C-alpha atoms as a PDB file:
ATOM      1  CA  MET A   1       0.000   0.000   0.000  1.00  0.00           C
ATOM      2  CA  VAL A   2       1.277   3.470  -0.895  1.00  0.00           C
ATOM      3  CA  MET A   3       0.723   6.060   1.821  1.00  0.00           C
ATOM      4  CA  LEU A   4      -0.064   9.568   0.650  1.00  0.00           C
ATOM      5  CA  HIS A   5       1.773  12.379   2.355  1.00  0.00           C
ATOM      6  CA  LYS A   6       0.340  15.839   2.909  1.00  0.00           C
ATOM      7  CA  ILE A   7       3.194  18.339   2.585  1.00  0.00           C
ATOM      8  CA  VAL A   8       2.597  22.039   3.230  1.00  0.00           C
ATOM      9  CA  ILE A   9       5.212  24.787   3.329  1.00  0.00           C
ATOM     10  CA  ASN A  10       4.018  27.927   5.053  1.00  0.00           C
ATOM     11  CA  VAL A  11       6.164  30.656   3.571  1.00  0.00           C
ATOM     12  CA  THR A  12       5.559  33.318   6.180  1.00  0.00           C
ATOM     13  CA  ILE A  13       8.836  34.999   5.362  1.00  0.00           C
ATOM     14  CA  SER A  14      10.018  37.580   7.848  1.00  0.00           C
ATOM     15  CA  PHE A  15      12.513  40.394   7.356  1.00  0.00           C
ATOM     16  CA  VAL A  16      15.571  41.218   9.425  1.00  0.00           C
ATOM     17  CA  MET A  17      18.220  43.712   8.390  1.00  0.00           C
ATOM     18  CA  PHE A  18      21.771  43.779   9.693  1.00  0.00           C
ATOM     19  CA  LEU A  19      24.459  46.342   8.981  1.00  0.00           C
ATOM     20  CA  THR A  20      28.001  45.053   9.208  1.00  0.00           C
ATOM     21  CA  SER A  21      29.402  48.481   9.976  1.00  0.00           C
ATOM     22  CA  VAL A  22      28.406  50.853  12.756  1.00  0.00           C
ATOM     23  CA  SER A  23      28.792  53.798  10.421  1.00  0.00           C
ATOM     24  CA  ILE A  24      26.720  54.261   7.282  1.00  0.00           C
ATOM     25  CA  ALA A  25      28.141  56.291   4.439  1.00  0.00           C
ATOM     26  CA  SER A  26      26.097  59.171   3.036  1.00  0.00           C
ATOM     27  CA  ALA A  27      26.478  61.945   0.536  1.00  0.00           C
ATOM     28  CA  GLN A  28      28.749  64.792   1.622  1.00  0.00           C
ATOM     29  CA  SER A  29      27.087  68.138   2.271  1.00  0.00           C
ATOM     30  CA  SER A  30      28.454  71.521   1.306  1.00  0.00           C
ATOM     31  CA  GLN A  31      28.553  73.577   4.499  1.00  0.00           C
ATOM     32  CA  SER A  32      30.187  76.348   6.443  1.00  0.00           C
ATOM     33  CA  SER A  33      29.741  77.715   9.975  1.00  0.00           C
ATOM     34  CA  ASN A  34      26.532  79.463   8.843  1.00  0.00           C
ATOM     35  CA  TYR A  35      25.108  77.480   5.896  1.00  0.00           C
ATOM     36  CA  ARG A  36      24.581  73.928   4.678  1.00  0.00           C
ATOM     37  CA  VAL A  37      23.468  72.682   1.258  1.00  0.00           C
ATOM     38  CA  ASP A  38      22.318  69.029   1.308  1.00  0.00           C
ATOM     39  CA  GLU A  39      21.734  68.755  -2.426  1.00  0.00           C
ATOM     40  CA  ALA A  40      22.813  71.170  -5.093  1.00  0.00           C
ATOM     41  CA  GLY A  41      22.240  71.262  -8.828  1.00  0.00           C
ATOM     42  CA  PHE A  42      22.208  73.346 -11.972  1.00  0.00           C
ATOM     43  CA  ALA A  43      18.863  73.045 -13.729  1.00  0.00           C
ATOM     44  CA  THR A  44      16.287  75.090 -15.594  1.00  0.00           C
ATOM     45  CA  GLY A  45      13.113  73.889 -13.902  1.00  0.00           C
ATOM     46  CA  SER A  46      13.808  71.481 -11.035  1.00  0.00           C
ATOM     47  CA  GLU A  47      12.611  71.938  -7.491  1.00  0.00           C
ATOM     48  CA  LEU A  48      13.620  69.819  -4.493  1.00  0.00           C
ATOM     49  CA  ASP A  49      10.703  70.862  -2.292  1.00  0.00           C
ATOM     50  CA  ALA A  50       7.715  72.289  -4.146  1.00  0.00           C
ATOM     51  CA  THR A  51       4.874  72.746  -1.651  1.00  0.00           C
ATOM     52  CA  SER A  52       1.424  74.215  -1.322  1.00  0.00           C
ATOM     53  CA  ALA A  53      -1.246  74.061   1.365  1.00  0.00           C
ATOM     54  CA  THR A  54      -2.366  70.660   0.016  1.00  0.00           C
ATOM     55  CA  TYR A  55       0.538  69.034  -1.838  1.00  0.00           C
ATOM     56  CA  ARG A  56       4.257  68.485  -1.607  1.00  0.00           C
ATOM     57  CA  SER A  57       6.449  67.257  -4.431  1.00  0.00           C
ATOM     58  CA  ARG A  58       9.877  67.034  -5.972  1.00  0.00           C
ATOM     59  CA  VAL A  59      10.111  68.120  -9.583  1.00  0.00           C
ATOM     60  CA  SER A  60      12.876  67.391 -12.062  1.00  0.00           C
ATOM     61  CA  ALA A  61      13.032  69.150 -15.413  1.00  0.00           C
ATOM     62  CA  GLY A  62      15.893  70.313 -17.591  1.00  0.00           C
ATOM     63  CA  ASP A  63      18.769  68.898 -15.524  1.00  0.00           C
ATOM     64  CA  ILE A  64      22.113  69.741 -17.108  1.00  0.00           C
ATOM     65  CA  GLY A  65      23.790  66.412 -16.280  1.00  0.00           C
ATOM     66  CA  VAL A  66      22.124  63.100 -15.420  1.00  0.00           C
ATOM     67  CA  GLY A  67      23.090  59.440 -15.336  1.00  0.00           C
ATOM     68  CA  PHE A  68      25.648  57.126 -13.818  1.00  0.00           C
ATOM     69  CA  SER A  69      29.432  57.414 -13.807  1.00  0.00           C
ATOM     70  CA  GLU A  70      32.254  55.784 -11.881  1.00  0.00           C
ATOM     71  CA  SER A  71      35.988  55.505 -11.448  1.00  0.00           C
ATOM     72  CA  GLY A  72      38.158  53.032  -9.595  1.00  0.00           C
ATOM     73  CA  ASN A  73      37.313  54.728  -6.279  1.00  0.00           C
ATOM     74  CA  PHE A  74      33.969  56.526  -6.674  1.00  0.00           C
ATOM     75  CA  ILE A  75      30.439  56.027  -8.015  1.00  0.00           C
ATOM     76  CA  THR A  76      28.058  58.904  -8.665  1.00  0.00           C
ATOM     77  CA  TYR A  77      24.570  59.472 -10.002  1.00  0.00           C
ATOM     78  CA  GLY A  78      23.918  62.788 -11.726  1.00  0.00           C
ATOM     79  CA  GLY A  79      20.417  64.191 -11.471  1.00  0.00           C
ATOM     80  CA  PHE A  80      18.517  66.677  -9.374  1.00  0.00           C
ATOM     81  CA  ILE A  81      16.555  64.147  -7.315  1.00  0.00           C
ATOM     82  CA  SER A  82      18.747  61.444  -5.799  1.00  0.00           C
ATOM     83  CA  PRO A  83      18.869  59.865  -2.312  1.00  0.00           C
ATOM     84  CA  GLU A  84      21.315  61.286   0.220  1.00  0.00           C
ATOM     85  CA  ASP A  85      21.395  58.252   2.553  1.00  0.00           C
ATOM     86  CA  GLU A  86      22.032  54.603   1.857  1.00  0.00           C
ATOM     87  CA  TYR A  87      19.270  52.069   2.507  1.00  0.00           C
ATOM     88  CA  VAL A  88      18.312  48.448   1.962  1.00  0.00           C
ATOM     89  CA  GLU A  89      14.868  46.863   2.215  1.00  0.00           C
ATOM     90  CA  LEU A  90      13.113  43.558   1.643  1.00  0.00           C
ATOM     91  CA  VAL A  91       9.466  43.487   0.515  1.00  0.00           C
ATOM     92  CA  ILE A  92       7.665  40.163   1.040  1.00  0.00           C
ATOM     93  CA  PRO A  93       3.931  39.725   0.390  1.00  0.00           C
ATOM     94  CA  PRO A  94       2.085  37.345   2.752  1.00  0.00           C
ATOM     95  CA  GLN A  95       1.982  33.967   1.027  1.00  0.00           C
ATOM     96  CA  THR A  96       1.667  30.242   1.595  1.00  0.00           C
ATOM     97  CA  VAL A  97       3.120  27.648  -0.746  1.00  0.00           C
ATOM     98  CA  ASP A  98       1.056  24.455  -0.713  1.00  0.00           C
ATOM     99  CA  LEU A  99       2.920  21.538  -2.272  1.00  0.00           C
ATOM    100  CA  GLY A 100      -0.187  19.387  -2.017  1.00  0.00           C
ATOM    101  CA  THR A 101      -0.417  15.668  -1.364  1.00  0.00           C
ATOM    102  CA  LEU A 102       2.800  13.963  -2.454  1.00  0.00           C
ATOM    103  CA  SER A 103       3.274  10.447  -3.764  1.00  0.00           C
ATOM    104  CA  PRO A 104       6.675   8.690  -3.715  1.00  0.00           C
ATOM    105  CA  GLY A 105       8.715   9.389  -6.827  1.00  0.00           C
ATOM    106  CA  VAL A 106       6.495  12.242  -8.039  1.00  0.00           C
ATOM    107  CA  PRO A 107       8.173  15.573  -7.156  1.00  0.00           C
ATOM    108  CA  SER A 108       5.988  18.522  -6.234  1.00  0.00           C
ATOM    109  CA  THR A 109       6.841  22.164  -6.947  1.00  0.00           C
ATOM    110  CA  GLY A 110       5.811  25.614  -5.803  1.00  0.00           C
ATOM    111  CA  THR A 111       6.925  29.244  -5.885  1.00  0.00           C
ATOM    112  CA  ALA A 112       7.050  32.326  -3.667  1.00  0.00           C
ATOM    113  CA  THR A 113       8.175  35.882  -4.416  1.00  0.00           C
ATOM    114  CA  PHE A 114       9.991  38.753  -2.727  1.00  0.00           C
ATOM    115  CA  THR A 115      11.648  42.026  -3.727  1.00  0.00           C
ATOM    116  CA  ALA A 116      14.953  43.553  -2.635  1.00  0.00           C
ATOM    117  CA  ARG A 117      15.545  47.268  -3.075  1.00  0.00           C
ATOM    118  CA  SER A 118      18.723  49.065  -2.133  1.00  0.00           C
ATOM    119  CA  TYR A 119      20.850  52.147  -2.575  1.00  0.00           C
ATOM    120  CA  LEU A 120      24.251  51.105  -1.254  1.00  0.00           C
ATOM    121  CA  ASN A 121      27.879  52.017  -1.733  1.00  0.00           C
ATOM    122  CA  HIS A 122      28.777  48.318  -1.511  1.00  0.00           C
ATOM    123  CA  ASP A 123      26.709  45.126  -1.542  1.00  0.00           C
ATOM    124  CA  TYR A 124      23.935  43.118   0.090  1.00  0.00           C
ATOM    125  CA  ILE A 125      23.281  39.427   0.706  1.00  0.00           C
ATOM    126  CA  ILE A 126      20.031  37.578   1.462  1.00  0.00           C
ATOM    127  CA  VAL A 127      20.115  34.505   3.701  1.00  0.00           C
ATOM    128  CA  SER A 128      17.445  31.839   4.295  1.00  0.00           C
ATOM    129  CA  SER A 129      17.884  30.802   7.911  1.00  0.00           C
ATOM    130  CA  ARG A 130      15.271  28.173   8.838  1.00  0.00           C
ATOM    131  CA  GLU A 131      15.440  24.373   8.537  1.00  0.00           C
ATOM    132  CA  ALA A 132      13.733  22.382   5.764  1.00  0.00           C
ATOM    133  CA  PRO A 133      10.081  21.214   6.003  1.00  0.00           C
ATOM    134  CA  SER A 134       9.497  19.095   9.081  1.00  0.00           C
ATOM    135  CA  ILE A 135       7.040  17.399  11.382  1.00  0.00           C
ATOM    136  CA  PRO A 136       7.713  16.902  15.107  1.00  0.00           C
ATOM    137  CA  GLY A 137      10.771  14.702  15.348  1.00  0.00           C
ATOM    138  CA  TYR A 138      11.578  14.543  11.621  1.00  0.00           C
ATOM    139  CA  VAL A 139      13.100  16.906   9.037  1.00  0.00           C
ATOM    140  CA  ILE A 140      12.958  16.237   5.293  1.00  0.00           C
ATOM    141  CA  SER A 141      16.350  15.480   3.741  1.00  0.00           C
ATOM    142  CA  THR A 142      17.741  18.307   1.639  1.00  0.00           C
ATOM    143  CA  ILE A 143      19.882  18.552  -1.465  1.00  0.00           C
ATOM    144  CA  THR A 144      22.999  19.975   0.163  1.00  0.00           C
ATOM    145  CA  SER A 145      24.916  20.699  -3.062  1.00  0.00           C
ATOM    146  CA  ALA A 146      23.223  21.956  -6.226  1.00  0.00           C
ATOM    147  CA  ASP A 147      21.934  19.032  -8.279  1.00  0.00           C
ATOM    148  CA  THR A 148      18.919  17.770 -10.174  1.00  0.00           C
ATOM    149  CA  ILE A 149      16.068  16.185  -8.268  1.00  0.00           C
ATOM    150  CA  ASP A 150      16.412  12.418  -7.797  1.00  0.00           C
ATOM    151  CA  THR A 151      12.975  10.799  -7.797  1.00  0.00           C
ATOM    152  CA  ALA A 152      14.353   7.762  -5.972  1.00  0.00           C
ATOM    153  CA  GLN A 153      15.456   9.877  -2.986  1.00  0.00           C
ATOM    154  CA  GLU A 154      13.687  11.917  -0.330  1.00  0.00           C
ATOM    155  CA  GLN A 155      14.774  15.443  -1.199  1.00  0.00           C
ATOM    156  CA  PHE A 156      13.924  19.098  -0.689  1.00  0.00           C
ATOM    157  CA  GLY A 157      15.589  21.995  -2.459  1.00  0.00           C
ATOM    158  CA  MET A 158      15.062  25.350  -4.077  1.00  0.00           C
ATOM    159  CA  ASN A 159      16.559  27.825  -6.501  1.00  0.00           C
ATOM    160  CA  LEU A 160      15.824  31.354  -7.730  1.00  0.00           C
ATOM    161  CA  VAL A 161      15.646  30.842 -11.498  1.00  0.00           C
ATOM    162  CA  ALA A 162      13.270  29.542 -14.157  1.00  0.00           C
ATOM    163  CA  ASN A 163      13.158  25.739 -14.467  1.00  0.00           C
ATOM    164  CA  THR A 164      11.918  23.106 -16.885  1.00  0.00           C
ATOM    165  CA  SER A 165      12.394  19.996 -14.702  1.00  0.00           C
ATOM    166  CA  PRO A 166      10.578  18.362 -12.993  1.00  0.00           C
ATOM    167  CA  SER A 167       8.147  20.848 -14.593  1.00  0.00           C
ATOM    168  CA  SER A 168       8.162  24.360 -16.007  1.00  0.00           C
ATOM    169  CA  PHE A 169       8.008  26.713 -13.023  1.00  0.00           C
ATOM    170  CA  GLY A 170       9.805  29.620 -11.391  1.00  0.00           C
ATOM    171  CA  ALA A 171      11.382  32.741 -12.900  1.00  0.00           C
ATOM    172  CA  ASP A 172      14.781  34.376 -13.177  1.00  0.00           C
ATOM    173  CA  PRO A 173      15.524  37.454 -11.025  1.00  0.00           C
ATOM    174  CA  SER A 174      13.992  40.492 -12.698  1.00  0.00           C
ATOM    175  CA  GLN A 175      15.620  43.919 -12.372  1.00  0.00           C
ATOM    176  CA  GLN A 176      13.320  46.923 -12.229  1.00  0.00           C
ATOM    177  CA  PRO A 177      12.280  49.163 -13.921  1.00  0.00           C
ATOM    178  CA  VAL A 178      14.067  47.637 -16.923  1.00  0.00           C
ATOM    179  CA  ASP A 179      15.724  44.230 -16.965  1.00  0.00           C
ATOM    180  CA  ASP A 180      18.800  45.224 -18.939  1.00  0.00           C
ATOM    181  CA  GLY A 181      21.551  45.371 -16.306  1.00  0.00           C
ATOM    182  CA  THR A 182      21.936  49.151 -16.395  1.00  0.00           C
ATOM    183  CA  PHE A 183      20.485  50.083 -13.015  1.00  0.00           C
ATOM    184  CA  ALA A 184      19.521  47.103 -10.793  1.00  0.00           C
ATOM    185  CA  PHE A 185      21.888  44.173 -10.343  1.00  0.00           C
ATOM    186  CA  GLY A 186      20.392  41.634  -7.913  1.00  0.00           C
ATOM    187  CA  GLN A 187      21.050  37.990  -8.751  1.00  0.00           C
ATOM    188  CA  ALA A 188      20.613  34.454  -7.452  1.00  0.00           C
ATOM    189  CA  ALA A 189      23.593  33.250  -5.414  1.00  0.00           C
ATOM    190  CA  ALA A 190      25.832  30.313  -6.288  1.00  0.00           C
ATOM    191  CA  GLY A 191      24.020  27.033  -5.738  1.00  0.00           C
ATOM    192  CA  TYR A 192      20.659  28.690  -6.424  1.00  0.00           C
ATOM    193  CA  ASN A 193      21.347  30.172  -9.864  1.00  0.00           C
ATOM    194  CA  THR A 194      21.249  27.173 -12.228  1.00  0.00           C
ATOM    195  CA  ALA A 195      18.070  25.983 -13.936  1.00  0.00           C
ATOM    196  CA  ASN A 196      16.873  22.514 -12.848  1.00  0.00           C
ATOM    197  CA  ASN A 197      19.514  22.365 -10.083  1.00  0.00           C
ATOM    198  CA  TYR A 198      18.360  22.732  -6.497  1.00  0.00           C
ATOM    199  CA  GLN A 199      19.820  22.803  -3.019  1.00  0.00           C
ATOM    200  CA  TYR A 200      19.011  23.943   0.489  1.00  0.00           C
ATOM    201  CA  ASN A 201      21.066  24.453   3.615  1.00  0.00           C
ATOM    202  CA  ALA A 202      19.787  26.576   6.478  1.00  0.00           C
ATOM    203  CA  GLY A 203      21.927  29.714   6.580  1.00  0.00           C
ATOM    204  CA  ASP A 204      22.790  29.704   2.880  1.00  0.00           C
ATOM    205  CA  ILE A 205      23.079  32.948   0.928  1.00  0.00           C
ATOM    206  CA  ILE A 206      20.358  32.537  -1.703  1.00  0.00           C
ATOM    207  CA  ALA A 207      20.569  35.960  -3.393  1.00  0.00           C
ATOM    208  CA  GLN A 208      22.890  38.958  -3.497  1.00  0.00           C
ATOM    209  CA  SER A 209      23.672  42.170  -5.270  1.00  0.00           C
ATOM    210  CA  GLY A 210      25.676  41.675  -8.420  1.00  0.00           C
ATOM    211  CA  ALA A 211      27.986  44.222 -10.001  1.00  0.00           C
ATOM    212  CA  ARG A 212      26.433  47.032  -7.924  1.00  0.00           C
ATOM    213  CA  GLY A 213      24.623  47.258  -4.590  1.00  0.00           C
ATOM    214  CA  TYR A 214      21.636  49.305  -5.683  1.00  0.00           C
ATOM    215  CA  GLY A 215      18.362  49.143  -7.590  1.00  0.00           C
ATOM    216  CA  GLU A 216      15.300  46.911  -7.266  1.00  0.00           C
ATOM    217  CA  THR A 217      15.226  43.205  -8.092  1.00  0.00           C
ATOM    218  CA  ASP A 218      12.168  40.944  -8.003  1.00  0.00           C
ATOM    219  CA  TYR A 219      12.974  37.359  -6.996  1.00  0.00           C
ATOM    220  CA  THR A 220      11.022  34.101  -7.322  1.00  0.00           C
ATOM    221  CA  ILE A 221      11.880  31.156  -5.062  1.00  0.00           C
ATOM    222  CA  SER A 222      11.273  27.793  -6.761  1.00  0.00           C
ATOM    223  CA  TYR A 223      10.678  24.909  -4.328  1.00  0.00           C
ATOM    224  CA  VAL A 224      10.891  21.226  -5.200  1.00  0.00           C
ATOM    225  CA  MET A 225      10.255  18.225  -2.970  1.00  0.00           C
ATOM    226  CA  ASN A 226      10.203  14.456  -3.410  1.00  0.00           C
ATOM    227  CA  ILE A 227       9.374  11.686  -0.934  1.00  0.00           C
ATOM    228  CA  THR A 228       9.852   7.932  -0.772  1.00  0.00           C
ATOM    229  CA  SER A 229       7.698   5.116   0.562  1.00  0.00           C
ATOM    230  CA  VAL A 230       9.481   5.324   3.928  1.00  0.00           C
ATOM    231  CA  THR A 231       9.099   9.077   4.433  1.00  0.00           C
ATOM    232  CA  PRO A 232       6.982   9.529   7.575  1.00  0.00           C
ATOM    233  CA  ALA A 233       3.480  10.744   6.788  1.00  0.00           C
ATOM    234  CA  GLY A 234       2.305  14.035   8.186  1.00  0.00           C
ATOM    235  CA  GLN A 235       1.718  17.710   7.517  1.00  0.00           C
ATOM    236  CA  TYR A 236       5.182  19.129   6.975  1.00  0.00           C
ATOM    237  CA  ARG A 237       5.768  22.818   7.509  1.00  0.00           C
ATOM    238  CA  MET A 238       8.549  25.289   6.884  1.00  0.00           C
ATOM    239  CA  GLU A 239       8.425  28.783   8.345  1.00  0.00           C
ATOM    240  CA  GLN A 240      10.992  30.461   6.144  1.00  0.00           C
ATOM    241  CA  ASP A 241      12.887  33.558   7.273  1.00  0.00           C
ATOM    242  CA  LEU A 242      14.879  35.750   4.917  1.00  0.00           C
ATOM    243  CA  VAL A 243      17.558  38.051   6.288  1.00  0.00           C
ATOM    244  CA  ILE A 244      18.997  40.863   4.168  1.00  0.00           C
ATOM    245  CA  THR A 245      22.383  42.257   5.187  1.00  0.00           C
ATOM    246  CA  ALA A 246      24.118  45.324   3.826  1.00  0.00           C
ATOM    247  CA  THR A 247      27.883  44.750   3.648  1.00  0.00           C
ATOM    248  CA  PHE A 248      30.388  47.605   3.821  1.00  0.00           C
END
């Protein structure tokens, strides 16, 4: 007799941010003993703080110099409206990934999404810190080094790219507002960046900034799980935490 197994992953992903330096870099201000200018520019119609009794806005029009430039030591963005302080944030919609009722040798898949947005002088990493799906007294075996799913083994893994095996599911990291590598640079980390290869180890870095530590990247986590005839039956759960860390 084949026992059916109900496997549920509750992806109630939480957000924790750590800074690895006690000091955070910010844009330098022009100042003297009497005056300070936080942002300065040469433009024909821009306004940093346009207000009325009802509205408040920033307006950019006719900036003389805009865009990105860098040298071996410095990076700068030209444009009238640009952030002064560095920041990093993780946006995670409430979601539950239900892998359904599993049968031995028939892998089940699911996806969850999150967004990382940053404006950093250096980089960020995103870590998944919790253990694999479990029931009291038993934790599902994981794929500890990136590999394809083996339908003869009890396995759990994930990646952050589009896949075609064991089915077509998932998506590659998507940089916003345009996915052309000119502004946002987030990417799946090693071990989680190859289609149809999965792994999971609690504490792994699953995503990180790429060439630059700024911009917005939308990520999709692709989960895969397989059981065998000796996997204990039960309702397996995984409360997954993601931790984003700015590194300086």
